[in-house]
Amino acid sequence: MRAAMSDGRLAEIRALFQGATPGPWECWQDEICQKGDGDTVVRADSDVDLVWSDSNRAFLVASITVVSELLQEIDRLRERK
């Protein structure tokens, strides 16, 4: 069994999450992912051929929401101790 995540590592993950474009995200076409309000999150230049599977696209889109939920759950569980 792994040791508990350190407060420092949790702070690093939280900082990465907080620096990202807020979600939820959605993807359309192969080169553009954006928030529901139209702000672009990922866009491939015309010189870049961005190819990804449906499962990888789904993971990317869900990750912004899932990380938020996981951080909230970690906070809730740590408060119970």
C-alpha atoms as a PDB file:
ATOM      1  CA  MET A   1       0.000   0.000   0.000  1.00  0.00           C
ATOM      2  CA  ARG A   2       1.276   3.454  -0.894  1.00  0.00           C
ATOM      3  CA  ALA A   3       1.933   6.081   1.728  1.00  0.00           C
ATOM      4  CA  ALA A   4      -0.512   8.963   1.974  1.00  0.00           C
ATOM      5  CA  MET A   5       0.038  11.771  -0.490  1.00  0.00           C
ATOM      6  CA  SER A   6       2.091  14.546   1.064  1.00  0.00           C
ATOM      7  CA  ASP A   7       0.624  17.987   1.582  1.00  0.00           C
ATOM      8  CA  GLY A   8       3.327  19.325  -0.740  1.00  0.00           C
ATOM      9  CA  ARG A   9       2.362  16.992  -3.599  1.00  0.00           C
ATOM     10  CA  LEU A  10      -1.316  17.795  -3.087  1.00  0.00           C
ATOM     11  CA  ALA A  11      -0.455  21.512  -3.248  1.00  0.00           C
ATOM     12  CA  GLU A  12       1.435  20.942  -6.529  1.00  0.00           C
ATOM     13  CA  ILE A  13      -1.569  19.155  -8.058  1.00  0.00           C
ATOM     14  CA  ARG A  14      -3.962  21.836  -6.790  1.00  0.00           C
ATOM     15  CA  ALA A  15      -1.763  24.583  -8.305  1.00  0.00           C
ATOM     16  CA  LEU A  16      -1.723  22.796 -11.681  1.00  0.00           C
ATOM     17  CA  PHE A  17      -5.498  22.433 -11.554  1.00  0.00           C
ATOM     18  CA  GLN A  18      -6.076  26.048 -10.537  1.00  0.00           C
ATOM     19  CA  GLY A  19      -3.821  27.253 -13.355  1.00  0.00           C
ATOM     20  CA  ALA A  20      -5.828  25.385 -15.987  1.00  0.00           C
ATOM     21  CA  THR A  21      -8.746  26.838 -17.918  1.00  0.00           C
ATOM     22  CA  PRO A  22     -11.865  26.176 -15.833  1.00  0.00           C
ATOM     23  CA  GLY A  23     -14.238  23.508 -17.115  1.00  0.00           C
ATOM     24  CA  PRO A  24     -16.301  21.852 -18.185  1.00  0.00           C
ATOM     25  CA  TRP A  25     -14.547  21.271 -21.499  1.00  0.00           C
ATOM     26  CA  GLU A  26     -15.785  19.797 -24.742  1.00  0.00           C
ATOM     27  CA  CYS A  27     -13.994  18.708 -27.912  1.00  0.00           C
ATOM     28  CA  TRP A  28     -15.089  18.962 -31.495  1.00  0.00           C
ATOM     29  CA  GLN A  29     -13.137  18.202 -34.595  1.00  0.00           C
ATOM     30  CA  ASP A  30      -9.708  16.723 -33.943  1.00  0.00           C
ATOM     31  CA  GLU A  31      -7.885  19.919 -33.172  1.00  0.00           C
ATOM     32  CA  ILE A  32     -10.062  22.031 -30.888  1.00  0.00           C
ATOM     33  CA  CYS A  33     -11.142  21.619 -27.269  1.00  0.00           C
ATOM     34  CA  GLN A  34     -12.952  24.413 -25.543  1.00  0.00           C
ATOM     35  CA  LYS A  35     -15.101  25.387 -22.611  1.00  0.00           C
ATOM     36  CA  GLY A  36     -18.823  25.597 -23.047  1.00  0.00           C
ATOM     37  CA  ASP A  37     -18.578  29.393 -23.386  1.00  0.00           C
ATOM     38  CA  GLY A  38     -16.330  29.052 -26.439  1.00  0.00           C
ATOM     39  CA  ASP A  39     -12.942  29.850 -24.871  1.00  0.00           C
ATOM     40  CA  THR A  40     -10.352  27.620 -26.544  1.00  0.00           C
ATOM     41  CA  VAL A  41      -8.476  25.192 -24.277  1.00  0.00           C
ATOM     42  CA  VAL A  42      -6.467  23.262 -26.900  1.00  0.00           C
ATOM     43  CA  ARG A  43      -6.044  24.111 -30.536  1.00  0.00           C
ATOM     44  CA  ALA A  44      -3.602  22.512 -32.947  1.00  0.00           C
ATOM     45  CA  ASP A  45      -1.804  24.804 -35.372  1.00  0.00           C
ATOM     46  CA  SER A  46      -2.177  24.056 -39.038  1.00  0.00           C
ATOM     47  CA  ASP A  47       1.392  22.694 -38.945  1.00  0.00           C
ATOM     48  CA  VAL A  48       0.492  20.174 -36.235  1.00  0.00           C
ATOM     49  CA  ASP A  49      -1.483  17.033 -36.940  1.00  0.00           C
ATOM     50  CA  LEU A  50      -3.212  16.281 -33.653  1.00  0.00           C
ATOM     51  CA  VAL A  51      -4.565  12.742 -33.711  1.00  0.00           C
ATOM     52  CA  TRP A  52      -6.090  11.120 -30.663  1.00  0.00           C
ATOM     53  CA  SER A  53      -8.436   8.282 -29.907  1.00  0.00           C
ATOM     54  CA  ASP A  54     -11.995   8.779 -28.722  1.00  0.00           C
ATOM     55  CA  SER A  55     -11.014   7.419 -25.301  1.00  0.00           C
ATOM     56  CA  ASN A  56      -8.109   9.875 -24.957  1.00  0.00           C
ATOM     57  CA  ARG A  57     -10.349  12.749 -26.032  1.00  0.00           C
ATOM     58  CA  ALA A  58     -12.963  11.691 -23.465  1.00  0.00           C
ATOM     59  CA  PHE A  59     -10.291  11.501 -20.760  1.00  0.00           C
ATOM     60  CA  LEU A  60      -8.999  14.994 -21.549  1.00  0.00           C
ATOM     61  CA  VAL A  61     -12.473  16.476 -21.554  1.00  0.00           C
ATOM     62  CA  ALA A  62     -13.436  14.780 -18.271  1.00  0.00           C
ATOM     63  CA  SER A  63     -10.141  15.436 -16.480  1.00  0.00           C
ATOM     64  CA  ILE A  64     -10.818  19.078 -15.577  1.00  0.00           C
ATOM     65  CA  THR A  65     -14.052  18.116 -13.830  1.00  0.00           C
ATOM     66  CA  VAL A  66     -12.738  14.881 -12.321  1.00  0.00           C
ATOM     67  CA  VAL A  67      -9.644  16.529 -10.814  1.00  0.00           C
ATOM     68  CA  SER A  68     -11.854  19.151  -9.179  1.00  0.00           C
ATOM     69  CA  GLU A  69     -14.068  16.436  -7.705  1.00  0.00           C
ATOM     70  CA  LEU A  70     -11.076  14.419  -6.481  1.00  0.00           C
ATOM     71  CA  LEU A  71      -9.483  17.444  -4.794  1.00  0.00           C
ATOM     72  CA  GLN A  72     -12.772  18.192  -3.040  1.00  0.00           C
ATOM     73  CA  GLU A  73     -13.034  14.586  -1.866  1.00  0.00           C
ATOM     74  CA  ILE A  74      -9.457  14.608  -0.545  1.00  0.00           C
ATOM     75  CA  ASP A  75     -10.206  17.814   1.361  1.00  0.00           C
ATOM     76  CA  ARG A  76     -13.406  16.307   2.791  1.00  0.00           C
ATOM     77  CA  LEU A  77     -11.679  13.107   3.893  1.00  0.00           C
ATOM     78  CA  ARG A  78      -8.763  14.961   5.456  1.00  0.00           C
ATOM     79  CA  GLU A  79     -11.153  17.188   7.405  1.00  0.00           C
ATOM     80  CA  ARG A  80     -12.759  14.073   8.951  1.00  0.00           C
ATOM     81  CA  LYS A  81      -9.475  12.915  10.504  1.00  0.00           C
END
